[in-house]
């Protein structure tokens, strides 16, 4: 089955949109669509699996609990080790930001 990561993008987003593309015991792949969204002001993502994320379109900033912030644009990718506390601090308010996130053991 074929599909396109840029098809069926939501027209209006009250929250970030997460679409599971592939799921198995050891890996998951999801498309995330943001449009001016960020993580909740309180709390951090802290996952039991490693995460590799790439921005396919748009722009975003990933912030880490220890203070580092990483700005990502089209083609930029980032590896986040398991149990590393992080959040999305900012995404472009004037365009869709399309992320591909791979979670793995």
Protein backbone atom coordinates (compact mmCIF):
# COMPACT_ATOMS: atom_id res chain seq x y z
CA UNK A 1 0.00 0.00 0.00
CA UNK A 2 1.35 3.45 -0.88
CA UNK A 3 0.58 6.77 0.73
CA UNK A 4 1.99 10.28 0.80
CA UNK A 5 3.07 12.00 4.02
CA UNK A 6 1.77 15.34 2.74
CA UNK A 7 -1.72 14.10 1.82
CA UNK A 8 -4.72 14.46 4.09
CA UNK A 9 -3.16 17.16 6.26
CA UNK A 10 -5.82 18.47 8.65
CA UNK A 11 -7.23 21.86 7.62
CA UNK A 12 -7.66 23.13 11.20
CA UNK A 13 -5.87 21.80 14.24
CA UNK A 14 -7.01 22.43 17.80
CA UNK A 15 -4.09 20.20 18.89
CA UNK A 16 -1.15 18.52 17.22
CA UNK A 17 -2.25 15.59 15.05
CA UNK A 18 -0.54 12.20 15.56
CA UNK A 19 -1.01 9.50 12.89
CA UNK A 20 0.50 6.05 13.49
CA UNK A 21 2.03 4.82 10.23
CA UNK A 22 3.84 1.64 11.34
CA UNK A 23 3.68 -0.19 14.64
CA UNK A 24 5.45 -3.32 15.82
CA UNK A 25 6.84 -4.70 19.05
CA UNK A 26 10.19 -2.92 18.62
CA UNK A 27 9.46 0.17 16.51
CA UNK A 28 6.72 2.70 15.81
CA UNK A 29 6.65 5.37 13.11
CA UNK A 30 4.26 8.28 13.30
CA UNK A 31 3.51 11.43 11.37
CA UNK A 32 2.95 14.49 13.53
CA UNK A 33 1.38 17.66 12.14
CA UNK A 34 1.72 20.93 14.06
CA UNK A 35 0.59 24.45 13.20
CA UNK A 36 1.78 26.87 15.86
CA UNK A 37 1.50 24.20 18.55
CA UNK A 38 3.78 23.41 21.45
CA UNK A 39 3.77 20.87 24.25
CA UNK A 40 1.74 21.70 27.36
CA UNK A 41 3.44 24.35 29.52
CA UNK A 42 3.82 21.88 32.36
CA UNK A 43 5.32 18.43 32.03
CA UNK A 44 7.81 16.80 29.74
CA UNK A 45 7.81 13.90 27.33
CA UNK A 46 9.90 11.11 28.82
CA UNK A 47 9.65 7.95 26.75
CA UNK A 48 10.88 4.45 27.45
CA UNK A 49 12.12 4.11 23.86
CA UNK A 50 14.67 6.08 21.86
CA UNK A 51 13.21 8.58 19.39
CA UNK A 52 14.53 9.79 16.06
CA UNK A 53 12.60 12.74 14.64
CA UNK A 54 12.90 14.59 11.33
CA UNK A 55 11.11 17.72 10.14
CA UNK A 56 9.85 17.19 6.60
CA UNK A 57 8.15 20.58 6.24
CA UNK A 58 7.93 23.69 8.42
CA UNK A 59 9.96 24.58 11.50
CA UNK A 60 10.05 23.63 15.15
CA UNK A 61 12.06 23.87 18.36
CA UNK A 62 12.65 20.93 20.70
CA UNK A 63 13.61 21.91 24.25
CA UNK A 64 15.30 19.67 26.80
CA UNK A 65 14.90 19.77 30.57
CA UNK A 66 18.56 20.73 31.06
CA UNK A 67 18.05 23.93 29.02
CA UNK A 68 19.26 23.04 25.52
CA UNK A 69 17.00 23.99 22.61
CA UNK A 70 17.35 22.60 19.09
CA UNK A 71 15.80 24.39 16.10
CA UNK A 72 14.80 22.12 13.23
CA UNK A 73 13.80 22.93 9.66
CA UNK A 74 13.11 20.80 6.59
CA UNK A 75 15.50 17.85 6.50
CA UNK A 76 16.89 18.42 9.99
CA UNK A 77 16.76 15.41 12.29
CA UNK A 78 17.47 14.70 15.92
CA UNK A 79 18.05 11.60 18.06
CA UNK A 80 16.57 11.67 21.54
CA UNK A 81 17.78 8.91 23.89
CA UNK A 82 15.20 7.03 25.94
CA UNK A 83 14.24 8.72 29.24
CA UNK A 84 15.49 12.14 28.07
CA UNK A 85 12.98 14.75 29.16
CA UNK A 86 11.99 17.00 26.25
CA UNK A 87 9.12 19.00 24.80
CA UNK A 88 8.14 20.88 21.67
CA UNK A 89 8.75 24.51 22.60
CA UNK A 90 7.53 26.08 19.34
CA UNK A 91 6.31 25.32 15.84
CA UNK A 92 5.79 27.72 12.95
CA UNK A 93 2.47 29.57 13.34
CA UNK A 94 2.22 30.44 9.64
CA UNK A 95 2.59 26.97 8.09
CA UNK A 96 2.15 23.28 8.83
CA UNK A 97 5.10 21.55 10.42
CA UNK A 98 5.21 17.90 9.40
CA UNK A 99 7.37 15.65 11.57
CA UNK A 100 8.25 11.99 11.19
CA UNK A 101 8.98 10.32 14.53
CA UNK A 102 10.51 6.86 14.89
CA UNK A 103 10.42 5.26 18.34
CA UNK A 104 12.61 2.19 18.82
CA UNK A 105 14.23 -0.07 21.42
